[in-house]
Amino acid sequence: MISQEFKEMTKAPSVIRALSVYATERGKEIGYENVFDYSLGNPSVPVPRELTDAMIELLQTKSSSYLHGYSPNPGNPEARQATADYLREKYGLPYTMEHIFMTSGAAGAIAHAVRCVTKPGDEVLTFAPYFPEYNPYINKSGAVLKIVPADTSSFQINFDKFEEMLNPNVHAVLINTPNNPSGIVYSTETIKKLASVLEKKQEEYGHEIFILSDEPYREIIFDGVDAPYVSKYYANTLSCYSYSKSLSIPGERLGYVAVNPAAKDADVIVAMCCQISRGTGHNCPASLPQLAVSRCMGKTSDLSVYETNMNIIYDELVKLGFEVVKPGGTFYIFPKALEEDSIAFCEKAKKYDLILVPSDSFGVKGYFRMAYCIDTEKVERSLVALRKFVKEEYGR
């Protein structure tokens, strides 16, 4: 008999992916250039030249077994060492390669990290709005994800609700900054306050509470925005990173868990991740991307287009009367819809070939997400459709 649990999941697939499929099919009818697809967070800028050059050099000079053979369970030693050296130099924490576990993107990093610090039945708290895939990432590990309601005035942490929900069964807090879907960056003040609350609760409860810090947008920070590195402020932090956005390589599926050297049992967590891989079938990411990335640490794609796009869209939304908190990073913006039902709002937008994502699956009702990782020229053309939509459907 097949699994009824996963069979039931097929009845509620990802809303984001479903909209992306719709946009692709609509594009076959009218030309994809005429579909203003703000659904999927797929980076739109090319990979940096340094990464391409590293790939070419490796393919031309190294043996097939070196490039395509199995890497060790924790990942390729070159990649782990380069990552540790980069983090140590950039953030001033004493990382070594023994604190780095290579993964298949941030999703793989979270899947390993949560299993390291929880057992079945333990609670993990996260903050709305949140990435909907956190539900399977956490709940399928045996832990239980609980959602702290949003502070919609700023999309910083709602500390009043957070402290109400803290209890001895909470063993981890999953945060995402810069945030998908809001684009907000948690300030140093917010992270310090979070650390202070958790340090007190660890002492009260008599056990560690780990922060799982989901950081795939760490380099997409807009000018002048305060963007702290979470591990600098809280010892029991596992950083879950992906190169998907910084290097525009989501299809390569490469990231890592970086264990704060000051964390409880920091010396064994990577070894634990190796054992978790045996139970999940992870078995380390592809060798070639690890080797290439290790040769261009600190390089990124030209990420400036995302701030350009954000300013264009934010200014237009404000002119049209939308309530919206200005993003501090990422390539997402999260305005309030012009009616309470965000699903109905986004369905109406489809008539104008505007593909917007309703907010319900992000844990907040009445908003919508736009992923503006598209060409600036297309962003500018989409404003005509946006104005027409707002005028004809809402009289603005």
Foldseek 3Di string as FASTA:
>chain_A
DDDPVVVVVVVPDDLLVVLVVVLVVVCVVVNSLQFAAQRDQQFQFAFDPLLVVLLVVCVVPDDPCLQFNADPLQAHQLLLQLVQVLCCVPPVFNGGSLQKGKFQALLRALLLVLLLFADAAAEEEEEFLADLCVCCSNVVSNYHYDYQYAPVVARQHPVVSVVVPDDLSAQEYEYEAVGPAALAGHAPVSLLVVQVVQVVVCVVNVHHYAYEYEYAFLPFFDPPDHHDDNCVRHQRYWYRYGLCHFRSCSVQRITIIGHRPSHVVSSCSSVSSSVVCVVVVRSHGGRNSSSSCSSPPPHGTPSVVLVVLQVVVVVLCVVLPWAWHRRRGDNKHKIFAPDQAQVVRQVLLVVLSHHWAASVSSPDTRIIMGRRSHDSVSSVVCSVSVVVSCCVVPVD
